N, C-alpha and C. Protein backbone atom coordinates (compact mmCIF):
# COMPACT_ATOMS: atom_id res chain seq x y z
N UNK A 1 23.25 -45.76 17.71
CA UNK A 1 22.00 -45.05 17.88
C UNK A 1 22.07 -43.67 17.23
N UNK A 2 23.21 -42.99 17.40
CA UNK A 2 23.37 -41.68 16.79
C UNK A 2 23.35 -41.77 15.28
N UNK A 3 23.86 -42.85 14.74
CA UNK A 3 23.91 -43.04 13.30
C UNK A 3 22.50 -43.04 12.70
N UNK A 4 21.56 -43.74 13.37
CA UNK A 4 20.19 -43.79 12.87
C UNK A 4 19.50 -42.42 12.99
N UNK A 5 19.82 -41.69 14.04
CA UNK A 5 19.26 -40.34 14.19
C UNK A 5 19.72 -39.42 13.07
N UNK A 6 20.99 -39.56 12.67
CA UNK A 6 21.51 -38.76 11.57
C UNK A 6 20.84 -39.14 10.24
N UNK A 7 20.61 -40.43 10.03
CA UNK A 7 19.95 -40.87 8.80
C UNK A 7 18.51 -40.35 8.73
N UNK A 8 17.82 -40.36 9.84
CA UNK A 8 16.45 -39.86 9.88
C UNK A 8 16.44 -38.36 9.59
N UNK A 9 17.39 -37.63 10.17
CA UNK A 9 17.48 -36.20 9.93
C UNK A 9 17.81 -35.92 8.47
N UNK A 10 18.74 -36.66 7.88
CA UNK A 10 19.11 -36.48 6.48
C UNK A 10 17.94 -36.80 5.55
N UNK A 11 17.19 -37.85 5.86
CA UNK A 11 16.02 -38.20 5.03
C UNK A 11 14.95 -37.12 5.13
N UNK A 12 14.74 -36.61 6.33
CA UNK A 12 13.74 -35.55 6.52
C UNK A 12 14.14 -34.31 5.75
N UNK A 13 15.41 -33.93 5.79
CA UNK A 13 15.88 -32.74 5.06
C UNK A 13 15.76 -32.96 3.56
N UNK A 14 16.03 -34.14 3.08
CA UNK A 14 15.94 -34.43 1.66
C UNK A 14 14.50 -34.33 1.16
N UNK A 15 13.56 -34.69 2.02
CA UNK A 15 12.16 -34.62 1.63
C UNK A 15 11.62 -33.18 1.66
N UNK A 16 12.12 -32.37 2.56
CA UNK A 16 11.57 -31.02 2.70
C UNK A 16 12.28 -29.98 1.84
N UNK A 17 13.54 -30.17 1.52
CA UNK A 17 14.29 -29.17 0.76
C UNK A 17 13.72 -28.94 -0.64
N UNK A 18 13.40 -29.97 -1.41
CA UNK A 18 12.86 -29.69 -2.74
C UNK A 18 11.56 -28.88 -2.71
N UNK A 19 10.72 -29.10 -1.73
CA UNK A 19 9.49 -28.34 -1.63
C UNK A 19 9.77 -26.87 -1.34
N UNK A 20 10.75 -26.61 -0.52
CA UNK A 20 11.07 -25.23 -0.16
C UNK A 20 11.75 -24.49 -1.31
N UNK A 21 12.46 -25.20 -2.16
CA UNK A 21 13.18 -24.53 -3.23
C UNK A 21 12.39 -24.44 -4.52
N UNK A 22 11.33 -25.20 -4.67
CA UNK A 22 10.52 -25.14 -5.87
C UNK A 22 9.49 -24.02 -5.73
N UNK A 23 9.36 -23.22 -6.76
CA UNK A 23 8.38 -22.15 -6.73
C UNK A 23 7.85 -21.90 -8.12
N UNK A 24 6.77 -21.18 -8.18
CA UNK A 24 6.15 -20.84 -9.44
C UNK A 24 6.17 -19.34 -9.63
N UNK A 25 6.50 -18.90 -10.80
CA UNK A 25 6.51 -17.48 -11.11
C UNK A 25 5.22 -17.12 -11.82
N UNK A 26 4.61 -16.02 -11.41
CA UNK A 26 3.42 -15.53 -12.11
C UNK A 26 3.54 -14.03 -12.25
N UNK A 27 2.90 -13.49 -13.27
CA UNK A 27 2.97 -12.05 -13.50
C UNK A 27 4.30 -11.67 -14.13
N UNK A 28 4.58 -10.39 -14.09
CA UNK A 28 5.85 -9.90 -14.62
C UNK A 28 6.38 -8.81 -13.70
N UNK A 29 7.68 -8.67 -13.70
CA UNK A 29 8.34 -7.66 -12.87
C UNK A 29 8.31 -6.34 -13.61
N UNK A 30 7.98 -5.28 -12.89
CA UNK A 30 7.93 -3.95 -13.47
C UNK A 30 8.75 -3.02 -12.58
N UNK A 31 9.90 -2.58 -13.06
CA UNK A 31 10.79 -1.73 -12.27
C UNK A 31 10.23 -0.31 -12.23
N UNK A 32 10.12 0.24 -11.01
CA UNK A 32 9.57 1.59 -10.88
C UNK A 32 10.63 2.64 -10.63
N UNK A 33 11.85 2.25 -10.39
CA UNK A 33 12.92 3.23 -10.18
C UNK A 33 12.89 3.87 -8.81
N UNK A 34 12.51 3.14 -7.82
CA UNK A 34 12.47 3.65 -6.45
C UNK A 34 12.00 2.55 -5.52
N UNK A 35 11.53 2.95 -4.35
CA UNK A 35 11.07 2.00 -3.35
C UNK A 35 9.55 2.07 -3.25
N UNK A 36 8.87 1.00 -3.64
CA UNK A 36 7.41 0.95 -3.53
C UNK A 36 7.03 0.65 -2.09
N UNK A 37 6.32 1.58 -1.44
CA UNK A 37 5.96 1.35 -0.05
C UNK A 37 4.52 0.89 0.11
N UNK A 38 3.65 1.11 -0.88
CA UNK A 38 2.27 0.65 -0.80
C UNK A 38 1.65 0.69 -2.18
N UNK A 39 0.56 -0.06 -2.34
CA UNK A 39 -0.17 -0.05 -3.60
C UNK A 39 -1.66 0.05 -3.32
N UNK A 40 -2.40 0.59 -4.29
CA UNK A 40 -3.87 0.64 -4.21
C UNK A 40 -4.41 0.35 -5.60
N UNK A 41 -5.36 -0.58 -5.68
CA UNK A 41 -5.93 -1.00 -6.96
C UNK A 41 -7.21 -0.24 -7.24
N UNK A 42 -7.26 0.41 -8.40
CA UNK A 42 -8.46 1.10 -8.87
C UNK A 42 -9.02 0.27 -10.01
N UNK A 43 -9.91 -0.66 -9.68
CA UNK A 43 -10.43 -1.58 -10.69
C UNK A 43 -11.25 -0.87 -11.75
N UNK A 44 -12.00 0.16 -11.38
CA UNK A 44 -12.86 0.87 -12.33
C UNK A 44 -12.04 1.53 -13.43
N UNK A 45 -10.90 2.10 -13.09
CA UNK A 45 -10.06 2.77 -14.08
C UNK A 45 -9.01 1.85 -14.67
N UNK A 46 -8.85 0.66 -14.10
CA UNK A 46 -7.82 -0.26 -14.57
C UNK A 46 -6.43 0.20 -14.24
N UNK A 47 -6.27 0.81 -13.05
CA UNK A 47 -4.98 1.35 -12.64
C UNK A 47 -4.56 0.80 -11.29
N UNK A 48 -3.27 0.67 -11.12
CA UNK A 48 -2.67 0.32 -9.83
C UNK A 48 -1.82 1.51 -9.42
N UNK A 49 -2.13 2.13 -8.29
CA UNK A 49 -1.35 3.26 -7.79
C UNK A 49 -0.23 2.72 -6.92
N UNK A 50 0.98 3.19 -7.15
CA UNK A 50 2.16 2.73 -6.41
C UNK A 50 2.77 3.93 -5.70
N UNK A 51 2.88 3.83 -4.39
CA UNK A 51 3.51 4.89 -3.60
C UNK A 51 5.01 4.70 -3.67
N UNK A 52 5.70 5.60 -4.35
CA UNK A 52 7.14 5.51 -4.54
C UNK A 52 7.82 6.37 -3.47
N UNK A 53 8.29 5.72 -2.43
CA UNK A 53 8.79 6.38 -1.23
C UNK A 53 10.02 7.25 -1.49
N UNK A 54 10.90 6.80 -2.35
CA UNK A 54 12.17 7.51 -2.53
C UNK A 54 12.11 8.60 -3.60
N UNK A 55 11.15 8.57 -4.51
CA UNK A 55 11.06 9.60 -5.54
C UNK A 55 9.95 10.62 -5.26
N UNK A 56 9.22 10.43 -4.14
CA UNK A 56 8.15 11.35 -3.75
C UNK A 56 7.08 11.47 -4.82
N UNK A 57 6.71 10.35 -5.39
CA UNK A 57 5.72 10.32 -6.46
C UNK A 57 4.73 9.18 -6.23
N UNK A 58 3.58 9.33 -6.88
CA UNK A 58 2.63 8.23 -6.99
C UNK A 58 2.67 7.80 -8.45
N UNK A 59 3.14 6.58 -8.68
CA UNK A 59 3.21 6.03 -10.03
C UNK A 59 1.92 5.29 -10.32
N UNK A 60 1.58 5.19 -11.60
CA UNK A 60 0.41 4.44 -12.03
C UNK A 60 0.85 3.31 -12.94
N UNK A 61 0.24 2.14 -12.76
CA UNK A 61 0.47 1.01 -13.63
C UNK A 61 -0.87 0.68 -14.28
N UNK A 62 -0.89 0.67 -15.62
CA UNK A 62 -2.08 0.28 -16.36
C UNK A 62 -2.19 -1.23 -16.28
N UNK A 63 -3.27 -1.75 -15.69
CA UNK A 63 -3.39 -3.19 -15.49
C UNK A 63 -3.73 -3.94 -16.77
N UNK A 64 -4.18 -3.24 -17.80
CA UNK A 64 -4.52 -3.90 -19.06
C UNK A 64 -3.27 -4.31 -19.83
N UNK A 65 -2.26 -3.44 -19.83
CA UNK A 65 -1.05 -3.75 -20.61
C UNK A 65 0.24 -3.68 -19.79
N UNK A 66 0.14 -3.54 -18.47
CA UNK A 66 1.29 -3.49 -17.56
C UNK A 66 2.27 -2.36 -17.90
N UNK A 67 1.77 -1.26 -18.42
CA UNK A 67 2.65 -0.13 -18.70
C UNK A 67 2.73 0.77 -17.47
N UNK A 68 3.91 1.28 -17.23
CA UNK A 68 4.17 2.14 -16.07
C UNK A 68 4.12 3.61 -16.50
N UNK A 69 3.35 4.37 -15.77
CA UNK A 69 3.31 5.82 -15.99
C UNK A 69 3.91 6.44 -14.74
N UNK A 70 5.19 6.81 -14.81
CA UNK A 70 5.92 7.27 -13.64
C UNK A 70 5.48 8.68 -13.23
N UNK A 71 5.47 8.88 -11.95
CA UNK A 71 5.24 10.17 -11.32
C UNK A 71 3.99 10.89 -11.85
N UNK A 72 2.87 10.19 -11.81
CA UNK A 72 1.61 10.81 -12.22
C UNK A 72 1.19 11.90 -11.24
N UNK A 73 1.54 11.70 -9.97
CA UNK A 73 1.25 12.70 -8.95
C UNK A 73 2.54 12.95 -8.17
N UNK A 74 3.07 14.16 -8.27
CA UNK A 74 4.23 14.55 -7.49
C UNK A 74 3.72 15.02 -6.13
N UNK A 75 4.14 14.36 -5.07
CA UNK A 75 3.60 14.63 -3.74
C UNK A 75 4.72 15.02 -2.78
N UNK A 76 4.32 15.38 -1.57
CA UNK A 76 5.31 15.73 -0.54
C UNK A 76 6.19 14.52 -0.22
N UNK A 77 7.32 14.76 0.47
CA UNK A 77 8.28 13.68 0.73
C UNK A 77 7.71 12.50 1.50
N UNK A 78 8.27 11.34 1.21
CA UNK A 78 8.03 10.08 1.90
C UNK A 78 6.58 9.61 1.85
N UNK A 79 5.99 9.47 0.65
CA UNK A 79 4.64 8.91 0.60
C UNK A 79 4.67 7.45 1.00
N UNK A 80 3.96 7.12 2.04
CA UNK A 80 4.00 5.75 2.55
C UNK A 80 2.76 4.97 2.21
N UNK A 81 1.75 5.11 3.03
CA UNK A 81 0.53 4.33 2.89
C UNK A 81 -0.46 4.99 1.94
N UNK A 82 -1.22 4.16 1.21
CA UNK A 82 -2.24 4.64 0.27
C UNK A 82 -3.60 4.05 0.63
N UNK A 83 -4.66 4.80 0.32
CA UNK A 83 -6.02 4.27 0.43
C UNK A 83 -6.86 4.90 -0.67
N UNK A 84 -7.66 4.09 -1.32
CA UNK A 84 -8.57 4.55 -2.36
C UNK A 84 -9.97 4.59 -1.76
N UNK A 85 -10.70 5.70 -1.99
CA UNK A 85 -12.04 5.82 -1.43
C UNK A 85 -12.96 4.79 -2.07
N UNK A 86 -14.00 4.37 -1.35
CA UNK A 86 -14.91 3.35 -1.89
C UNK A 86 -15.55 3.75 -3.21
N UNK A 87 -15.77 5.05 -3.43
CA UNK A 87 -16.36 5.49 -4.70
C UNK A 87 -15.31 5.71 -5.78
N UNK A 88 -14.03 5.53 -5.46
CA UNK A 88 -12.95 5.66 -6.43
C UNK A 88 -12.62 7.09 -6.82
N UNK A 89 -13.10 8.07 -6.08
CA UNK A 89 -12.88 9.47 -6.43
C UNK A 89 -11.64 10.07 -5.78
N UNK A 90 -11.20 9.49 -4.65
CA UNK A 90 -10.10 10.10 -3.88
C UNK A 90 -9.03 9.07 -3.56
N UNK A 91 -7.79 9.55 -3.57
CA UNK A 91 -6.65 8.76 -3.14
C UNK A 91 -6.04 9.48 -1.94
N UNK A 92 -5.93 8.78 -0.82
CA UNK A 92 -5.38 9.35 0.41
C UNK A 92 -3.99 8.79 0.63
N UNK A 93 -3.05 9.68 0.95
CA UNK A 93 -1.64 9.30 1.09
C UNK A 93 -1.13 9.75 2.45
N UNK A 94 -0.47 8.87 3.16
CA UNK A 94 0.18 9.21 4.43
C UNK A 94 1.66 9.40 4.18
N UNK A 95 2.22 10.50 4.68
CA UNK A 95 3.65 10.80 4.54
C UNK A 95 4.31 10.63 5.90
N UNK A 96 5.34 9.88 5.95
CA UNK A 96 6.02 9.69 7.21
C UNK A 96 6.71 8.38 7.13
N UNK A 97 6.91 7.64 8.08
CA UNK A 97 7.80 7.97 9.18
C UNK A 97 9.24 8.00 8.71
N UNK A 98 10.07 8.61 9.48
CA UNK A 98 11.47 8.70 9.09
C UNK A 98 12.14 7.33 9.16
N UNK A 99 13.16 7.17 8.37
CA UNK A 99 13.90 5.92 8.34
C UNK A 99 15.39 6.20 8.37
N UNK A 100 16.16 5.23 7.93
CA UNK A 100 17.62 5.39 7.94
C UNK A 100 18.07 6.49 6.98
N UNK A 101 17.38 6.62 5.84
CA UNK A 101 17.80 7.60 4.85
C UNK A 101 17.27 9.00 5.16
N UNK A 102 16.18 9.08 5.89
CA UNK A 102 15.53 10.36 6.13
C UNK A 102 15.58 10.70 7.61
N UNK A 103 16.06 11.86 7.93
CA UNK A 103 16.20 12.25 9.33
C UNK A 103 14.98 13.01 9.84
N UNK A 104 14.08 13.38 8.93
CA UNK A 104 12.91 14.15 9.32
C UNK A 104 11.66 13.36 8.97
N UNK A 105 10.65 13.45 9.83
CA UNK A 105 9.36 12.86 9.54
C UNK A 105 8.41 13.99 9.21
N UNK A 106 7.66 13.86 8.11
CA UNK A 106 6.88 14.98 7.61
C UNK A 106 5.48 15.08 8.20
N UNK A 107 4.90 14.01 8.69
CA UNK A 107 3.61 14.03 9.39
C UNK A 107 2.53 14.74 8.57
N UNK A 108 2.34 14.28 7.35
CA UNK A 108 1.35 14.89 6.46
C UNK A 108 0.40 13.85 5.89
N UNK A 109 -0.77 14.32 5.49
CA UNK A 109 -1.72 13.54 4.71
C UNK A 109 -2.02 14.33 3.44
N UNK A 110 -2.03 13.65 2.30
CA UNK A 110 -2.39 14.27 1.04
C UNK A 110 -3.64 13.59 0.51
N UNK A 111 -4.62 14.39 0.12
CA UNK A 111 -5.84 13.87 -0.47
C UNK A 111 -5.90 14.35 -1.91
N UNK A 112 -5.99 13.40 -2.85
CA UNK A 112 -6.02 13.72 -4.27
C UNK A 112 -7.39 13.37 -4.83
N UNK A 113 -8.01 14.33 -5.51
CA UNK A 113 -9.26 14.09 -6.23
C UNK A 113 -8.86 13.56 -7.60
N UNK A 114 -9.09 12.27 -7.84
CA UNK A 114 -8.57 11.61 -9.03
C UNK A 114 -9.13 12.12 -10.36
N UNK A 115 -10.42 12.48 -10.45
CA UNK A 115 -10.92 12.93 -11.77
C UNK A 115 -10.22 14.19 -12.30
N UNK A 116 -9.86 15.12 -11.41
CA UNK A 116 -9.23 16.35 -11.91
C UNK A 116 -7.81 16.57 -11.39
N UNK A 117 -7.31 15.70 -10.52
CA UNK A 117 -5.94 15.81 -10.02
C UNK A 117 -5.73 16.86 -8.94
N UNK A 118 -6.81 17.50 -8.47
CA UNK A 118 -6.68 18.49 -7.39
C UNK A 118 -6.23 17.78 -6.11
N UNK A 119 -5.40 18.46 -5.33
CA UNK A 119 -4.90 17.84 -4.10
C UNK A 119 -4.92 18.82 -2.94
N UNK A 120 -5.05 18.28 -1.74
CA UNK A 120 -5.03 19.04 -0.50
C UNK A 120 -4.07 18.34 0.45
N UNK A 121 -3.30 19.13 1.20
CA UNK A 121 -2.33 18.59 2.15
C UNK A 121 -2.74 19.00 3.55
N UNK A 122 -2.75 18.04 4.46
CA UNK A 122 -3.13 18.27 5.85
C UNK A 122 -1.98 17.86 6.76
N UNK A 123 -1.73 18.63 7.79
CA UNK A 123 -0.71 18.29 8.78
C UNK A 123 -1.34 17.46 9.88
N UNK A 124 -0.59 16.49 10.39
CA UNK A 124 -1.06 15.68 11.51
C UNK A 124 -0.40 16.10 12.81
N UNK A 125 0.24 17.25 12.80
CA UNK A 125 0.91 17.74 14.01
C UNK A 125 2.13 16.91 14.32
N UNK A 126 2.24 16.48 15.57
CA UNK A 126 3.38 15.67 15.99
C UNK A 126 3.17 14.18 15.76
N UNK A 127 1.99 13.80 15.28
CA UNK A 127 1.67 12.39 15.09
C UNK A 127 2.04 11.94 13.68
N UNK A 128 2.86 10.91 13.59
CA UNK A 128 3.28 10.38 12.29
C UNK A 128 2.25 9.37 11.82
N UNK A 129 1.63 9.59 10.65
CA UNK A 129 0.65 8.61 10.16
C UNK A 129 1.35 7.37 9.63
N UNK A 130 0.96 6.22 10.11
CA UNK A 130 1.56 4.97 9.67
C UNK A 130 0.71 4.27 8.63
N UNK A 131 -0.57 4.57 8.59
CA UNK A 131 -1.47 3.95 7.63
C UNK A 131 -2.71 4.80 7.47
N UNK A 132 -3.40 4.62 6.36
CA UNK A 132 -4.63 5.36 6.10
C UNK A 132 -5.69 4.41 5.58
N UNK A 133 -6.95 4.78 5.79
CA UNK A 133 -8.08 3.99 5.30
C UNK A 133 -9.30 4.88 5.24
N UNK A 134 -10.23 4.54 4.38
CA UNK A 134 -11.52 5.21 4.33
C UNK A 134 -12.51 4.36 5.11
N UNK A 135 -13.36 5.01 5.89
CA UNK A 135 -14.36 4.31 6.68
C UNK A 135 -15.73 4.75 6.19
N UNK A 136 -16.57 3.80 5.84
CA UNK A 136 -17.91 4.11 5.38
C UNK A 136 -18.79 4.44 6.57
N UNK A 137 -19.64 5.43 6.43
CA UNK A 137 -20.58 5.80 7.48
C UNK A 137 -21.97 5.33 7.06
N UNK A 138 -22.64 4.61 7.96
CA UNK A 138 -23.96 4.07 7.67
C UNK A 138 -24.94 4.64 8.68
N UNK A 139 -26.07 5.14 8.19
CA UNK A 139 -27.09 5.66 9.10
C UNK A 139 -27.78 4.49 9.77
N UNK A 140 -27.93 4.58 11.07
CA UNK A 140 -28.61 3.53 11.83
C UNK A 140 -30.12 3.63 11.62
N UNK A 141 -30.81 2.51 11.74
CA UNK A 141 -32.26 2.50 11.60
C UNK A 141 -32.89 2.03 12.90
N UNK A 142 -34.18 2.30 13.04
CA UNK A 142 -34.90 1.85 14.23
C UNK A 142 -34.51 2.62 15.47
N UNK A 143 -34.52 1.99 16.62
CA UNK A 143 -34.23 2.66 17.89
C UNK A 143 -32.82 3.26 17.94
N UNK A 144 -31.91 2.72 17.14
CA UNK A 144 -30.53 3.24 17.16
C UNK A 144 -30.45 4.65 16.59
N UNK A 145 -31.51 5.09 15.88
CA UNK A 145 -31.52 6.44 15.34
C UNK A 145 -31.38 7.49 16.43
N UNK A 146 -31.83 7.17 17.61
CA UNK A 146 -31.73 8.13 18.70
C UNK A 146 -30.29 8.32 19.14
N UNK A 147 -29.45 7.33 18.88
CA UNK A 147 -28.05 7.41 19.26
C UNK A 147 -27.27 8.23 18.25
N UNK A 148 -27.64 8.16 16.99
CA UNK A 148 -26.92 8.90 15.96
C UNK A 148 -26.44 7.97 14.87
N UNK A 149 -25.27 8.22 14.38
CA UNK A 149 -24.74 7.43 13.28
C UNK A 149 -23.78 6.37 13.80
N UNK A 150 -23.78 5.27 13.12
CA UNK A 150 -22.86 4.18 13.47
C UNK A 150 -21.78 4.13 12.40
N UNK A 151 -20.55 3.96 12.80
CA UNK A 151 -19.42 3.83 11.86
C UNK A 151 -19.10 2.35 11.70
N UNK A 152 -19.05 1.90 10.46
CA UNK A 152 -18.69 0.51 10.20
C UNK A 152 -17.50 0.43 9.29
């Protein structure tokens, strides 16, 4: 009886192993020279922003020809999460949390105005930002106007 159980197990493994080991490669690998912690796609400009955690930079990848433009924005330490504004004018960066290599958490947000490269840095106090996002504000219509604005 044990012999048949072993044969069934061996047949099952033989059928599943090739599926698990077969894969398809797409795209191309682009070495950035650091640790990419997040990406944000700017379709209008044809750019991919890469948050390079270990070099304290935001790298840009041109999506038309896959060329890397390293350290387009030199930012405060440990840039983690990225968010692109819906209008494509601003890039928001969260700096934090500490890891094995870093003993300090910086608790900062950086806002970059992409057309001219101007940037502003904001402290989050003792709170470490783990992620960032832009939220669109929509004015309510009808009876909800008495309540104010609704955030969606």
